[in-house]
Amino acid sequence: MKVPLRIGVIGGGECSREAAATAREVGALIARAGAVLVCGGLGGVMEAAALGASDAGGLTLGILPGDDPRSANAGIMLAIPTGMGDARNVVIVRASDAVIAVGGAWGTLAEAAFCLKNEVPLIRLKSDLPTLPIPEAESPEGAVEWAIEQARARAG
């Protein structure tokens, strides 16, 4: 059985129009690459990326903080309610073969730290994260190409 690559997209639950447009493009590119988009399933960057992926025919997985699968954004095809609150950020990272950070705030920083701790490849794209030992992409295409390459290498 061939297991599809899973690319996480992390970022703020609220975001600028520019960050939303970038995340939407990232989501579409992930879908076109044949990977599954993994995110937190709510608003902002998560919603934009999920809508981009679903509009492009991709599969989207939302790891939700609460108990209600109906709280997922409209771009989520498979919602996983965890009842874990912010602790679900660990699940998002562990469910991903590579992660792309778009914009972001404190939750995104926590997810980035989990990536570094668990050796999950992470790249920033127009991210507000403080300087961390992670690469930064210049474009959505560059971020998705990098994430797919890293995920393939990690998946063996």
C-alpha atoms as a PDB file:
ATOM      1  CA  MET A   1       0.000   0.000   0.000  1.00  0.00           C
ATOM      2  CA  LYS A   2       1.396   3.373  -0.985  1.00  0.00           C
ATOM      3  CA  VAL A   3       1.008   5.939   1.787  1.00  0.00           C
ATOM      4  CA  PRO A   4       0.615   9.517   0.536  1.00  0.00           C
ATOM      5  CA  LEU A   5       2.937  12.214   1.820  1.00  0.00           C
ATOM      6  CA  ARG A   6       1.435  14.451   4.486  1.00  0.00           C
ATOM      7  CA  ILE A   7       2.425  18.123   4.448  1.00  0.00           C
ATOM      8  CA  GLY A   8       1.476  20.230   7.448  1.00  0.00           C
ATOM      9  CA  VAL A   9       0.630  23.906   7.104  1.00  0.00           C
ATOM     10  CA  ILE A  10       0.818  25.978  10.261  1.00  0.00           C
ATOM     11  CA  GLY A  11       0.029  29.623  10.867  1.00  0.00           C
ATOM     12  CA  GLY A  12      -2.230  31.983  12.734  1.00  0.00           C
ATOM     13  CA  GLY A  13      -5.926  31.396  13.323  1.00  0.00           C
ATOM     14  CA  GLU A  14      -6.289  34.957  12.108  1.00  0.00           C
ATOM     15  CA  CYS A  15      -4.168  36.312   9.290  1.00  0.00           C
ATOM     16  CA  SER A  16      -3.765  39.098   6.773  1.00  0.00           C
ATOM     17  CA  ARG A  17      -5.194  38.883   3.260  1.00  0.00           C
ATOM     18  CA  GLU A  18      -1.643  38.452   1.971  1.00  0.00           C
ATOM     19  CA  ALA A  19      -0.967  35.517   4.310  1.00  0.00           C
ATOM     20  CA  ALA A  20      -4.319  33.957   3.366  1.00  0.00           C
ATOM     21  CA  ALA A  21      -3.517  34.250  -0.355  1.00  0.00           C
ATOM     22  CA  THR A  22      -0.092  32.701   0.217  1.00  0.00           C
ATOM     23  CA  ALA A  23      -1.560  29.856   2.311  1.00  0.00           C
ATOM     24  CA  ARG A  24      -4.252  29.194  -0.295  1.00  0.00           C
ATOM     25  CA  GLU A  25      -1.594  28.887  -3.003  1.00  0.00           C
ATOM     26  CA  VAL A  26       0.488  26.599  -0.784  1.00  0.00           C
ATOM     27  CA  GLY A  27      -2.560  24.377  -0.222  1.00  0.00           C
ATOM     28  CA  ALA A  28      -3.277  24.143  -3.940  1.00  0.00           C
ATOM     29  CA  LEU A  29       0.343  23.258  -4.677  1.00  0.00           C
ATOM     30  CA  ILE A  30       0.344  20.559  -2.000  1.00  0.00           C
ATOM     31  CA  ALA A  31      -2.779  19.021  -3.561  1.00  0.00           C
ATOM     32  CA  ARG A  32      -1.294  19.163  -7.057  1.00  0.00           C
ATOM     33  CA  ALA A  33       1.791  17.371  -5.731  1.00  0.00           C
ATOM     34  CA  GLY A  34      -0.473  14.530  -4.597  1.00  0.00           C
ATOM     35  CA  ALA A  35       0.171  15.074  -0.887  1.00  0.00           C
ATOM     36  CA  VAL A  36      -2.372  15.308   1.926  1.00  0.00           C
ATOM     37  CA  LEU A  37      -2.647  18.712   3.616  1.00  0.00           C
ATOM     38  CA  VAL A  38      -2.609  18.501   7.421  1.00  0.00           C
ATOM     39  CA  CYS A  39      -3.561  21.520   9.540  1.00  0.00           C
ATOM     40  CA  GLY A  40      -5.374  22.610  12.678  1.00  0.00           C
ATOM     41  CA  GLY A  41      -8.674  22.748  10.831  1.00  0.00           C
ATOM     42  CA  LEU A  42      -9.875  26.157  11.997  1.00  0.00           C
ATOM     43  CA  GLY A  43      -9.593  29.693  10.539  1.00  0.00           C
ATOM     44  CA  GLY A  44      -6.904  31.976   9.171  1.00  0.00           C
ATOM     45  CA  VAL A  45      -3.936  30.271   7.519  1.00  0.00           C
ATOM     46  CA  MET A  46      -5.441  26.841   8.234  1.00  0.00           C
ATOM     47  CA  GLU A  47      -8.671  27.659   6.420  1.00  0.00           C
ATOM     48  CA  ALA A  48      -6.966  29.324   3.472  1.00  0.00           C
ATOM     49  CA  ALA A  49      -4.578  26.400   2.954  1.00  0.00           C
ATOM     50  CA  ALA A  50      -7.379  23.848   3.280  1.00  0.00           C
ATOM     51  CA  LEU A  51      -9.578  25.714   0.801  1.00  0.00           C
ATOM     52  CA  GLY A  52      -6.696  25.932  -1.659  1.00  0.00           C
ATOM     53  CA  ALA A  53      -6.049  22.205  -1.382  1.00  0.00           C
ATOM     54  CA  SER A  54      -9.689  21.153  -1.562  1.00  0.00           C
ATOM     55  CA  ASP A  55     -10.377  23.456  -4.516  1.00  0.00           C
ATOM     56  CA  ALA A  56      -7.435  21.787  -6.284  1.00  0.00           C
ATOM     57  CA  GLY A  57      -8.889  18.329  -5.637  1.00  0.00           C
ATOM     58  CA  GLY A  58      -6.635  17.404  -2.732  1.00  0.00           C
ATOM     59  CA  LEU A  59      -7.340  15.641   0.540  1.00  0.00           C
ATOM     60  CA  THR A  60      -7.366  17.797   3.680  1.00  0.00           C
ATOM     61  CA  LEU A  61      -7.066  16.642   7.266  1.00  0.00           C
ATOM     62  CA  GLY A  62      -7.963  18.951  10.158  1.00  0.00           C
ATOM     63  CA  ILE A  63      -6.709  18.117  13.655  1.00  0.00           C
ATOM     64  CA  LEU A  64      -9.189  20.061  15.780  1.00  0.00           C
ATOM     65  CA  PRO A  65      -8.622  21.335  19.327  1.00  0.00           C
ATOM     66  CA  GLY A  66     -12.210  20.678  20.437  1.00  0.00           C
ATOM     67  CA  ASP A  67     -14.738  17.864  20.426  1.00  0.00           C
ATOM     68  CA  ASP A  68     -16.989  18.939  17.552  1.00  0.00           C
ATOM     69  CA  PRO A  69     -16.014  17.892  14.020  1.00  0.00           C
ATOM     70  CA  ARG A  70     -18.475  20.496  12.710  1.00  0.00           C
ATOM     71  CA  SER A  71     -16.155  23.253  13.949  1.00  0.00           C
ATOM     72  CA  ALA A  72     -13.773  22.514  11.063  1.00  0.00           C
ATOM     73  CA  ASN A  73     -13.484  25.054   8.273  1.00  0.00           C
ATOM     74  CA  ALA A  74     -15.173  24.447   4.914  1.00  0.00           C
ATOM     75  CA  GLY A  75     -11.958  23.210   3.295  1.00  0.00           C
ATOM     76  CA  ILE A  76     -11.504  20.268   5.657  1.00  0.00           C
ATOM     77  CA  MET A  77     -12.533  16.906   4.255  1.00  0.00           C
ATOM     78  CA  LEU A  78     -11.622  14.788   7.274  1.00  0.00           C
ATOM     79  CA  ALA A  79     -11.933  16.413  10.688  1.00  0.00           C
ATOM     80  CA  ILE A  80     -10.352  14.763  13.726  1.00  0.00           C
ATOM     81  CA  PRO A  81     -11.767  16.231  16.954  1.00  0.00           C
ATOM     82  CA  THR A  82      -9.223  15.716  19.723  1.00  0.00           C
ATOM     83  CA  GLY A  83     -10.605  17.545  22.761  1.00  0.00           C
ATOM     84  CA  MET A  84      -6.940  18.380  23.442  1.00  0.00           C
ATOM     85  CA  GLY A  85      -6.972  22.158  23.047  1.00  0.00           C
ATOM     86  CA  ASP A  86      -3.568  23.539  22.063  1.00  0.00           C
ATOM     87  CA  ALA A  87      -1.967  20.165  22.832  1.00  0.00           C
ATOM     88  CA  ARG A  88      -3.329  19.052  19.473  1.00  0.00           C
ATOM     89  CA  ASN A  89      -0.412  21.003  17.943  1.00  0.00           C
ATOM     90  CA  VAL A  90       1.796  18.020  18.739  1.00  0.00           C
ATOM     91  CA  VAL A  91      -0.552  15.762  16.754  1.00  0.00           C
ATOM     92  CA  ILE A  92      -0.436  18.117  13.750  1.00  0.00           C
ATOM     93  CA  VAL A  93       3.365  17.946  13.728  1.00  0.00           C
ATOM     94  CA  ARG A  94       3.564  14.183  14.330  1.00  0.00           C
ATOM     95  CA  ALA A  95       0.998  13.556  11.550  1.00  0.00           C
ATOM     96  CA  SER A  96       3.145  15.519   9.044  1.00  0.00           C
ATOM     97  CA  ASP A  97       6.139  14.373   7.014  1.00  0.00           C
ATOM     98  CA  ALA A  98       7.186  18.025   6.571  1.00  0.00           C
ATOM     99  CA  VAL A  99       5.682  21.354   7.652  1.00  0.00           C
ATOM    100  CA  ILE A 100       5.336  24.796   6.076  1.00  0.00           C
ATOM    101  CA  ALA A 101       4.839  27.821   8.383  1.00  0.00           C
ATOM    102  CA  VAL A 102       2.947  30.741   6.839  1.00  0.00           C
ATOM    103  CA  GLY A 103       2.684  33.845   9.010  1.00  0.00           C
ATOM    104  CA  GLY A 104       1.898  32.803  12.550  1.00  0.00           C
ATOM    105  CA  ALA A 105       1.832  33.706  16.204  1.00  0.00           C
ATOM    106  CA  TRP A 106       2.479  31.906  19.511  1.00  0.00           C
ATOM    107  CA  GLY A 107       0.713  28.678  18.508  1.00  0.00           C
ATOM    108  CA  THR A 108       2.782  28.581  15.331  1.00  0.00           C
ATOM    109  CA  LEU A 109       5.951  29.057  17.376  1.00  0.00           C
ATOM    110  CA  ALA A 110       4.938  26.111  19.575  1.00  0.00           C
ATOM    111  CA  GLU A 111       4.356  23.956  16.488  1.00  0.00           C
ATOM    112  CA  ALA A 112       7.738  25.028  15.099  1.00  0.00           C
ATOM    113  CA  ALA A 113       9.380  23.973  18.365  1.00  0.00           C
ATOM    114  CA  PHE A 114       7.653  20.576  18.156  1.00  0.00           C
ATOM    115  CA  CYS A 115       8.971  20.211  14.591  1.00  0.00           C
ATOM    116  CA  LEU A 116      12.521  20.923  15.732  1.00  0.00           C
ATOM    117  CA  LYS A 117      12.232  18.606  18.751  1.00  0.00           C
ATOM    118  CA  ASN A 118      10.789  15.747  16.672  1.00  0.00           C
ATOM    119  CA  GLU A 119      13.058  16.330  13.651  1.00  0.00           C
ATOM    120  CA  VAL A 120      10.124  17.026  11.339  1.00  0.00           C
ATOM    121  CA  PRO A 121      11.395  19.164   8.425  1.00  0.00           C
ATOM    122  CA  LEU A 122      10.081  22.737   8.708  1.00  0.00           C
ATOM    123  CA  ILE A 123      10.296  25.679   6.329  1.00  0.00           C
ATOM    124  CA  ARG A 124       9.077  29.253   6.798  1.00  0.00           C
ATOM    125  CA  LEU A 125       7.243  31.210   4.132  1.00  0.00           C
ATOM    126  CA  LYS A 126       6.555  34.868   4.853  1.00  0.00           C
ATOM    127  CA  SER A 127       6.511  33.817   8.474  1.00  0.00           C
ATOM    128  CA  ASP A 128       6.533  36.030  11.535  1.00  0.00           C
ATOM    129  CA  LEU A 129       8.378  33.380  13.535  1.00  0.00           C
ATOM    130  CA  PRO A 130      11.463  34.624  15.342  1.00  0.00           C
ATOM    131  CA  THR A 131      14.786  33.551  13.922  1.00  0.00           C
ATOM    132  CA  LEU A 132      15.054  29.808  14.347  1.00  0.00           C
ATOM    133  CA  PRO A 133      17.426  27.289  12.787  1.00  0.00           C
ATOM    134  CA  ILE A 134      15.024  26.632   9.892  1.00  0.00           C
ATOM    135  CA  PRO A 135      15.197  27.529   6.207  1.00  0.00           C
ATOM    136  CA  GLU A 136      12.995  30.186   4.660  1.00  0.00           C
ATOM    137  CA  ALA A 137      11.324  29.918   1.260  1.00  0.00           C
ATOM    138  CA  GLU A 138      11.017  32.771  -1.208  1.00  0.00           C
ATOM    139  CA  SER A 139       7.775  31.546  -2.813  1.00  0.00           C
ATOM    140  CA  PRO A 140       4.897  29.108  -2.299  1.00  0.00           C
ATOM    141  CA  GLU A 141       6.331  26.920  -5.071  1.00  0.00           C
ATOM    142  CA  GLY A 142       9.719  26.847  -3.353  1.00  0.00           C
ATOM    143  CA  ALA A 143       8.159  25.973   0.016  1.00  0.00           C
ATOM    144  CA  VAL A 144       6.066  23.121  -1.383  1.00  0.00           C
ATOM    145  CA  GLU A 145       8.938  21.732  -3.486  1.00  0.00           C
ATOM    146  CA  TRP A 146      11.179  21.758  -0.402  1.00  0.00           C
ATOM    147  CA  ALA A 147       8.507  20.147   1.817  1.00  0.00           C
ATOM    148  CA  ILE A 148       7.736  17.398  -0.728  1.00  0.00           C
ATOM    149  CA  GLU A 149      11.461  16.657  -1.148  1.00  0.00           C
ATOM    150  CA  GLN A 150      12.001  16.496   2.630  1.00  0.00           C
ATOM    151  CA  ALA A 151       8.874  14.374   3.161  1.00  0.00           C
ATOM    152  CA  ARG A 152       9.975  11.897   0.475  1.00  0.00           C
ATOM    153  CA  ALA A 153      13.433  11.641   2.043  1.00  0.00           C
ATOM    154  CA  ARG A 154      11.917  11.120   5.478  1.00  0.00           C
ATOM    155  CA  ALA A 155       9.375   8.556   4.250  1.00  0.00           C
ATOM    156  CA  GLY A 156      12.188   6.563   2.662  1.00  0.00           C
END
